[in-house]
Protein backbone atom coordinates (compact mmCIF):
# COMPACT_ATOMS: atom_id res chain seq x y z
CA MET A 1 -3.85 11.54 -11.58
CA SER A 2 -1.85 9.00 -9.60
CA ASP A 3 -3.11 6.95 -6.67
CA GLY A 4 -1.38 7.15 -3.32
CA THR A 5 -0.17 9.80 -0.93
CA PRO A 6 1.80 12.49 -2.81
CA ILE A 7 5.11 13.51 -1.22
CA ASN A 8 7.39 16.16 -2.68
CA ARG A 9 10.44 14.36 -3.99
CA GLN A 10 12.86 16.64 -2.11
CA TRP A 11 11.69 14.99 1.14
CA VAL A 12 12.37 11.42 -0.05
CA LEU A 13 15.90 10.42 0.95
CA SER A 14 18.15 7.38 0.86
CA LEU A 15 20.24 6.53 3.88
CA LYS A 16 23.76 5.14 3.77
CA ASP A 17 22.40 1.73 4.87
CA GLY A 18 20.14 1.63 1.78
CA ASN A 19 16.84 2.39 3.49
CA VAL A 20 14.56 4.98 1.90
CA VAL A 21 12.90 7.45 4.25
CA ILE A 22 10.54 10.41 4.15
CA ASP A 23 11.71 13.51 6.03
CA TRP A 24 8.70 14.85 7.95
CA GLY A 25 10.72 17.61 9.63
CA ASP A 26 11.64 18.16 13.27
CA GLY A 27 14.07 15.23 13.05
CA LEU A 28 11.29 12.73 12.34
CA PHE A 29 11.70 10.33 9.43
CA GLN A 30 9.57 7.45 8.18
CA ASP A 31 11.04 4.23 6.83
CA VAL A 32 8.97 3.68 3.68
CA ARG A 33 9.31 -0.12 3.67
CA ALA A 34 8.38 -0.77 7.30
CA GLY A 35 6.27 2.36 7.86
CA ASP A 36 8.07 2.97 11.17
CA PHE A 37 8.83 6.49 12.36
CA ILE A 38 12.50 6.79 13.24
CA LYS A 39 15.12 9.33 14.26
CA VAL A 40 17.90 9.83 11.72
CA LYS A 41 21.13 11.74 12.15
CA GLU A 42 22.12 14.01 9.29
CA SER A 43 25.34 11.98 8.90
CA GLU A 44 23.23 8.90 8.03
CA ILE A 45 21.68 10.55 4.94
CA SER A 46 23.31 9.60 1.65
CA HIS A 47 21.32 11.28 -1.16
CA HIS A 48 17.93 12.12 -2.63
CA THR A 49 16.34 8.88 -3.79
CA LEU A 50 17.15 7.89 -7.36
CA ASN A 51 14.69 6.68 -10.01
CA GLU A 52 16.18 3.18 -9.80
CA GLU A 53 15.47 3.04 -6.07
CA LEU A 54 11.91 4.24 -6.62
CA ASP A 55 11.45 1.58 -9.33
CA LEU A 56 12.36 -1.06 -6.74
CA LEU A 57 9.82 0.42 -4.31
CA ILE A 58 7.18 0.19 -7.06
CA ARG A 59 8.00 -3.50 -7.53
CA VAL A 60 7.55 -4.19 -3.79
CA GLY A 61 4.31 -2.17 -3.64
CA ARG A 62 5.38 0.75 -1.46
CA VAL A 63 5.29 3.37 -4.25
CA THR A 64 2.54 3.57 -6.85
CA SER A 65 4.30 6.01 -9.21
CA TYR A 66 6.57 9.04 -9.33
CA THR A 67 7.39 12.10 -11.38
CA SER A 68 10.37 14.44 -11.36
CA THR A 69 8.78 16.36 -8.47
CA THR A 70 6.47 13.95 -6.61
CA VAL A 71 6.49 10.40 -5.25
CA PHE A 72 3.13 8.68 -4.68
CA PHE A 73 3.24 6.27 -1.73
CA ALA A 74 0.80 3.43 -1.09
CA SER A 75 -0.76 3.25 2.39
CA LEU A 76 1.53 5.25 4.64
CA PRO A 77 0.75 5.12 8.38
CA GLU A 78 -0.18 8.52 9.80
CA ARG A 79 2.44 10.62 11.52
CA PRO A 80 2.15 10.42 15.32
CA GLN A 81 0.70 13.60 16.80
CA ARG A 82 0.70 14.84 20.37
CA THR A 83 -2.73 15.12 21.92
CA ILE A 84 -3.92 18.18 23.74
CA ASP A 85 -4.15 17.52 27.47
């Protein structure tokens, strides 16, 4: 079993500017290097992240491992949630 937060690989995307993001739905994406939650337009998405890109993220400590279906991320900040008033 791998360490880290498991994310289905279909939700891990590369943008045209080279950043790798996680698609959390509802137009919310997370930059995996900075941990920031950002808005991304569909036109900014390039492709599903390649093994070579994930290997680089392993070298910089953002990904612990991956399989053909899952990427395991190290220490992701939690998604912001609205509070109940």
